[in-house]
Amino acid sequence: MSTTAEASTTPHALLRGRRALVVGGGGGLGSAIARALAAQGCRVAVAGRKVETLAASVPELCAVRLDLLDHASIDRAVAQAADALGGLDLLVNAAGSVAGGRFEDTSLAQWHQSIDTKLLGTLEVIRAALPHLKASRGTVLTLSGLYGKEPSAGQIISGAINAALANSHKALASDVARDGVRVLNLCIGGFLTDRLMQIVSAHAKTAGRSVDEQLRHEEQQLPLGRFGRPEELADIVAMLASPQCAYLTGSTLTIDGGAAHAI
């Protein structure tokens, strides 16, 4: 599978003329996905809380402000993106973080914040985008986390929310299939982003290692011996959004380099 740089030179553009909104487009994964979609001929808008961050990450693309905790901003952002692009064929949800920690170490406020952001915010984005996606017979692709399939005592909130996303996306896929809309949930493992490196840095401090030593230590625990690159996930998203995968819907696909033990 090619990297984003290689994809940009590919003569066969899988998504030529398609119109995509990438929510969380200023993040490491979101910006990589936005670029990969554009490289495959897609017209792309990116959305996030800080428009200036979006503009810096993907300056060549349309940027709109969207806050997952502000449902009014969700409706506005989706409408602005659809107006700018002339409709929507693809929605990619790559935003929303959740609190970590064991059950007894988490607070009710953390649960509410994480649920309102990652779960309800994501579903509200889909709700706002659905009329446009029904009109175009489009696709929803949501990035959720590995703990939704593989429970971890130290990631109790993440596991609960991502499992709920998998369940709701499966149900939604059945509901909108006759409208020609595909719905996929991507259960992803570790990819080398700034956010991942912040976690690795925290682990390094606890373990008394340098960040580079901690990174090597954690990568050695993985089947492929490394974390994924954002561009690798972006290429997979572009493929799944393409007509080549037109018969694929209602699935939760695990993209983790073999890290999960669950089937």
Foldseek 3Di string as FASTA:
>chain_A
DDFLVVLLPDPQQQQALAEEEQEVCLFQLNVLLQSSNVSSRYQYEYEEQDQVSNCVSCVVHHYAYDALLDLVSLLVRLVVSCVVSVFHQEYEYDDADADWAAPVPDDPVRLVRRCSRQAVSVVSNCVSRVVRNLVVLHEYEYEAEQCCQPPDRGGNSSNVRRVVVLVVQLVVQVVCVVSNYAYEYEHEAFEDTPVVLVVLCVVCVVVVHHSVVSQQVVLCLAPVSHWHYSRVVSNVVSVCRGPVVSVDHSYYHYHYNRRDPGD
